[in-house]
Protein backbone atom coordinates (compact mmCIF):
# COMPACT_ATOMS: atom_id res chain seq x y z
CA MET A 1 33.34 83.22 131.86
CA LYS A 2 32.81 81.33 128.65
CA ASN A 3 36.38 82.02 127.49
CA LYS A 4 37.76 80.93 130.87
CA PHE A 5 35.70 77.71 130.65
CA ASN A 6 36.94 77.03 127.12
CA ARG A 7 40.56 77.68 128.13
CA SER A 8 40.20 75.36 131.13
CA LYS A 9 38.61 72.66 129.01
CA LEU A 10 41.33 73.06 126.39
CA ALA A 11 44.06 72.84 129.04
CA SER A 12 42.51 69.66 130.46
CA LEU A 13 42.30 68.17 126.98
CA ILE A 14 45.97 68.97 126.32
CA VAL A 15 47.02 67.40 129.62
CA ALA A 16 44.94 64.29 128.95
CA THR A 17 46.35 63.98 125.42
CA SER A 18 49.89 64.39 126.72
CA LEU A 19 49.36 61.72 129.36
CA MET A 20 47.90 59.38 126.76
CA PHE A 21 50.89 59.99 124.47
CA VAL A 22 53.35 59.28 127.31
CA ALA A 23 51.46 56.08 128.20
CA LEU A 24 51.50 54.91 124.59
CA LEU A 25 55.21 55.72 124.30
CA GLN A 26 56.00 53.82 127.50
CA SER A 27 53.91 50.89 126.32
CA ALA A 28 55.75 50.81 122.99
CA GLN A 29 59.11 50.97 124.76
CA ALA A 30 58.08 48.16 127.11
CA ALA A 31 57.02 46.03 124.16
CA GLU A 32 60.32 46.57 122.31
CA PRO A 33 62.59 43.59 123.14
CA ASN A 34 66.00 44.19 124.68
CA LEU A 35 68.32 42.63 122.10
CA GLY A 36 71.30 42.69 124.43
CA GLU A 37 69.46 40.63 127.02
CA ILE A 38 68.09 38.25 124.38
CA ILE A 39 71.55 37.57 122.93
CA LYS A 40 73.09 37.21 126.40
CA LYS A 41 70.46 34.66 127.41
CA SER A 42 70.82 32.84 124.09
CA LEU A 43 74.57 32.47 124.60
CA MET A 44 74.01 31.02 128.09
CA ILE A 45 70.94 28.84 127.46
CA ASN A 46 72.90 25.62 126.85
CA LYS A 47 75.75 26.21 129.30
CA VAL A 48 75.04 23.56 131.90
CA LEU A 49 77.22 23.08 134.99
CA ASP A 50 78.77 20.11 133.22
CA SER A 51 77.82 17.39 130.75
CA THR A 52 78.88 14.10 129.21
CA SER A 53 77.63 12.80 125.88
CA ASP A 54 78.18 10.49 122.95
CA ALA A 55 77.71 11.92 119.48
CA THR A 56 77.57 10.75 115.89
CA PHE A 57 78.92 13.08 113.21
CA THR A 58 77.58 12.43 109.70
CA LEU A 59 79.47 14.30 106.97
CA THR A 60 77.84 14.23 103.53
CA ASN A 61 79.32 15.65 100.31
CA LYS A 62 77.34 17.04 97.39
CA SER A 63 77.32 13.60 95.73
CA GLY A 64 75.62 12.07 98.77
CA GLN A 65 78.64 10.14 100.01
CA GLU A 66 78.72 9.86 103.80
CA ARG A 67 81.44 9.61 106.42
CA ILE A 68 80.44 8.65 109.96
CA ARG A 69 82.42 9.67 113.04
CA LYS A 70 81.79 8.69 116.65
CA THR A 71 82.84 10.90 119.55
CA TYR A 72 82.75 11.21 123.31
CA GLY A 73 82.51 14.69 124.77
CA VAL A 74 82.48 16.49 128.09
CA SER A 75 81.83 20.10 129.01
CA LYS A 76 82.14 22.11 132.19
CA LEU A 77 81.26 25.64 133.21
CA GLN A 78 84.16 27.55 134.74
CA ALA A 79 84.04 29.13 138.20
CA ASN A 80 82.86 32.50 136.83
CA GLY A 81 79.60 30.85 135.68
CA ILE A 82 80.01 32.32 132.18
CA ASP A 83 82.87 30.64 130.33
CA ASN A 84 82.63 27.07 129.11
CA MET A 85 85.18 24.30 128.55
CA ARG A 86 84.52 21.60 125.97
CA MET A 87 86.52 18.47 125.15
CA THR A 88 85.68 16.19 122.21
CA ARG A 89 87.50 12.88 121.66
CA PHE A 90 87.03 11.05 118.35
CA LEU A 91 86.54 7.30 118.77
CA SER A 92 86.12 6.17 115.15
CA PRO A 93 86.83 5.64 112.29
CA SER A 94 90.51 4.77 112.37
CA ASP A 95 91.69 7.84 110.41
CA VAL A 96 90.47 10.21 113.14
CA LYS A 97 90.50 7.89 116.17
CA GLY A 98 92.33 9.52 119.08
CA THR A 99 92.00 13.05 117.74
CA VAL A 100 90.99 15.38 120.57
CA SER A 101 89.68 18.93 120.45
CA LEU A 102 89.76 21.19 123.52
CA LEU A 103 88.00 24.55 123.55
CA ILE A 104 88.30 26.84 126.57
CA GLU A 105 86.28 30.03 126.51
CA HIS A 106 87.52 33.32 128.02
CA SER A 107 84.99 36.15 128.07
CA ALA A 108 87.65 38.78 128.83
CA ALA A 109 90.42 37.43 126.59
CA ASP A 110 91.10 35.28 123.55
CA ASP A 111 89.67 31.77 123.77
CA ASP A 112 92.00 28.75 123.85
CA ILE A 113 91.73 26.22 121.03
CA TRP A 114 93.80 23.04 121.20
CA ILE A 115 93.90 19.89 119.10
CA TYR A 116 95.73 16.61 119.66
CA LEU A 117 96.79 14.68 116.55
CA PRO A 118 97.63 11.06 117.42
CA ALA A 119 99.71 10.53 114.26
CA LEU A 120 102.09 13.26 115.45
CA LYS A 121 101.62 12.45 119.13
CA LYS A 122 101.56 16.11 119.99
CA VAL A 123 99.13 18.80 121.12
CA ARG A 124 98.88 21.85 118.90
CA ARG A 125 97.54 25.20 119.98
CA LEU A 126 95.59 26.91 117.20
CA VAL A 127 95.46 30.65 116.63
CA SER A 128 92.64 31.54 119.02
CA SER A 129 91.56 34.69 117.19
CA ASN A 130 91.01 32.78 113.95
CA LYS A 131 87.73 30.98 114.55
CA ARG A 132 86.82 30.53 110.91
CA ASP A 133 88.64 27.20 110.50
CA SER A 134 86.62 24.00 110.23
CA PHE A 135 85.97 22.18 113.48
CA VAL A 136 87.77 18.86 112.81
CA GLY A 137 86.68 18.69 109.17
CA THR A 138 82.99 19.51 109.74
CA ASP A 139 80.85 22.33 108.37
CA PHE A 140 80.92 23.97 111.80
CA SER A 141 83.74 26.40 112.48
CA TYR A 142 85.52 26.66 115.80
CA GLY A 143 83.65 29.93 116.29
CA ASP A 144 80.32 28.17 115.75
CA VAL A 145 81.18 25.61 118.44
CA ILE A 146 82.82 27.81 121.07
CA GLY A 147 80.52 30.77 120.38
CA HIS A 148 80.95 34.32 119.10
CA LYS A 149 81.62 37.06 121.64
CA GLN A 150 78.56 39.27 122.06
CA GLU A 151 80.46 42.55 122.18
CA GLU A 152 82.10 41.92 118.80
CA TRP A 153 78.80 42.11 116.92
CA ASN A 154 76.12 44.74 116.31
CA TYR A 155 72.56 43.43 116.52
CA LYS A 156 69.32 44.51 114.84
CA LEU A 157 65.84 43.06 115.18
CA LEU A 158 64.45 42.36 111.71
CA ARG A 159 61.08 40.74 112.42
CA GLU A 160 59.34 37.86 114.16
CA GLU A 161 58.81 34.53 112.43
CA THR A 162 57.63 31.02 113.29
CA VAL A 163 60.12 28.16 112.89
CA ASP A 164 59.35 24.56 113.87
CA GLY A 165 56.16 25.77 115.55
CA ALA A 166 57.98 28.30 117.77
CA ILE A 167 57.77 32.08 117.47
CA CYS A 168 61.26 33.49 116.98
CA TYR A 169 63.01 36.83 116.96
CA VAL A 170 64.86 37.16 113.65
CA ILE A 171 68.06 39.04 114.49
CA GLU A 172 70.78 40.38 112.23
CA ALA A 173 74.35 40.34 113.59
CA LEU A 174 77.06 42.36 111.85
CA PRO A 175 80.74 42.33 112.89
CA ASN A 176 81.72 45.62 114.45
CA ASN A 177 85.08 45.74 112.64
CA ASP A 178 86.98 44.09 109.79
CA THR A 179 89.11 41.98 112.13
CA VAL A 180 86.01 40.24 113.53
CA ARG A 181 84.67 39.78 110.00
CA ILE A 182 87.90 38.18 108.76
CA ASN A 183 88.57 36.05 111.86
CA SER A 184 85.01 34.72 112.02
CA GLY A 185 84.67 34.33 108.25
CA TYR A 186 81.24 35.99 108.41
CA ALA A 187 80.16 39.36 107.06
CA LYS A 188 76.65 38.80 108.39
CA ARG A 189 74.76 36.36 110.56
CA ILE A 190 70.96 36.07 110.68
CA ILE A 191 69.78 34.09 113.69
CA TRP A 192 66.33 32.87 114.69
CA VAL A 193 66.03 32.95 118.50
CA ARG A 194 62.99 31.38 120.14
CA LYS A 195 60.95 33.84 122.22
CA ASP A 196 60.05 31.26 124.85
CA ASN A 197 63.52 30.04 125.85
CA ALA A 198 66.03 32.17 123.83
CA PHE A 199 67.51 29.14 122.05
CA ALA A 200 68.93 29.95 118.60
CA ILE A 201 67.41 27.26 116.39
CA LYS A 202 68.28 28.56 112.93
CA GLY A 203 70.99 30.60 111.27
CA GLU A 204 72.04 31.94 107.89
CA MET A 205 75.58 33.20 107.36
CA ASP A 206 77.26 35.24 104.62
CA ASP A 207 80.98 34.78 104.03
CA GLU A 208 83.43 37.61 104.58
CA ASN A 209 82.70 38.90 101.06
CA GLY A 210 78.95 39.05 101.71
CA GLN A 211 77.99 35.94 99.72
CA PRO A 212 75.56 33.27 101.05
CA TYR A 213 77.74 30.74 102.86
CA LYS A 214 76.19 28.45 105.47
CA THR A 215 72.91 27.61 107.16
CA PHE A 216 72.29 26.08 110.57
CA HIS A 217 69.30 24.24 111.99
CA MET A 218 69.04 23.03 115.59
CA THR A 219 66.24 20.58 116.39
CA GLU A 220 65.11 18.01 118.96
CA LEU A 221 65.40 20.49 121.83
CA GLN A 222 65.35 19.08 125.35
CA GLU A 223 65.28 20.89 128.68
CA VAL A 224 68.26 19.11 130.20
CA ASP A 225 68.32 21.03 133.50
CA ALA A 226 64.89 22.32 134.48
CA THR A 227 66.15 23.80 137.75
CA ARG A 228 68.50 26.16 135.93
CA GLY A 229 66.42 26.48 132.76
CA LYS A 230 69.05 24.96 130.46
CA TRP A 231 68.25 23.53 127.02
CA GLN A 232 70.17 21.48 124.47
CA ALA A 233 69.50 20.63 120.83
CA MET A 234 70.09 16.92 120.24
CA ARG A 235 70.42 17.38 116.48
CA LEU A 236 72.64 20.03 114.88
CA GLU A 237 72.85 20.52 111.14
CA SER A 238 75.11 22.80 109.12
CA LYS A 239 75.05 23.10 105.33
CA ASN A 240 77.65 24.83 103.18
CA SER A 241 75.70 26.36 100.29
CA GLN A 242 78.91 27.00 98.34
CA THR A 243 80.22 23.43 98.35
CA GLY A 244 77.03 21.41 98.89
CA HIS A 245 78.65 19.70 101.88
CA GLN A 246 76.74 19.21 105.14
CA THR A 247 77.32 17.97 108.67
CA VAL A 248 74.76 16.52 111.08
CA ILE A 249 75.65 15.99 114.75
CA LYS A 250 73.37 13.75 116.80
CA PHE A 251 73.85 13.60 120.57
CA GLU A 252 73.10 10.44 122.53
CA ASN A 253 73.31 9.74 126.26
CA PHE A 254 73.45 13.45 127.01
CA LYS A 255 73.74 13.81 130.79
CA VAL A 256 74.23 16.90 132.94
CA ASN A 257 75.52 17.56 136.45
CA GLN A 258 77.90 14.59 136.36
CA LYS A 259 80.67 16.16 138.48
CA VAL A 260 83.07 16.17 135.52
CA ARG A 261 86.70 16.41 136.62
CA ASP A 262 88.85 19.40 135.68
CA ASP A 263 91.64 17.18 134.35
CA PHE A 264 89.51 16.32 131.30
CA PHE A 265 90.37 19.81 130.06
CA THR A 266 94.16 19.54 130.11
CA GLU A 267 96.83 18.83 127.52
CA ARG A 268 97.82 15.75 129.52
CA TYR A 269 94.36 14.20 129.15
CA MET A 270 94.24 15.10 125.47
CA ALA A 271 97.35 13.00 124.80
CA LYS A 272 96.08 10.09 126.87
CA GLU A 273 95.71 6.98 124.72
């Protein structure tokens, strides 16, 4: 009887321990963030139905000399609710006045990148796969502005860290092949994504050879569409650690849900004086 009691007690203890282990495992799995969902939400967090805005671009070289550019921009989400269109028209100074950039995102194909140069009076289509080029002379690349495709990068959670008073996931992104590395110009991206709203507020990039290249910092966040949970940083800063050059973009008069017309995102409108 004593042996039977001991065996029964032992069996109960084993079952209880097993259940406890399963519960702890499930709890740990539940606590582990889903990086795919975090990145997906981060890529969509600022994609409003449409927007209009004025912006000031301040370009500063390593000697502290500044160049100021004024722009007017519009954006619009395409019918699929995923891909964005963005037009930026430069208003001043005279050397860039009339220059227009048009970026049209395609989640299932190469993105379209167009630029209108008033001196030539013609619209040029840029190589869409090569997103490493500077966005109209700034320290942001076309890839930085239009966004990097989620499926082209492998993600790893490094840690959690507080930036600007917000707890962030610190996530490493590595290109999943050499073509992505070369076309983006980045061998590695480290991004700080806020836990509360999934906005990427900080970034550190290595160039295609693995050397420290650029840093990003997004501040002055505003919830521009509370109904849809959309946020926008009103100040964007990018610094090139190799050249000492930096660009700051400040948005003003940022308005959403303005019923922006589709013809803003055409070659015809780009060439409009």
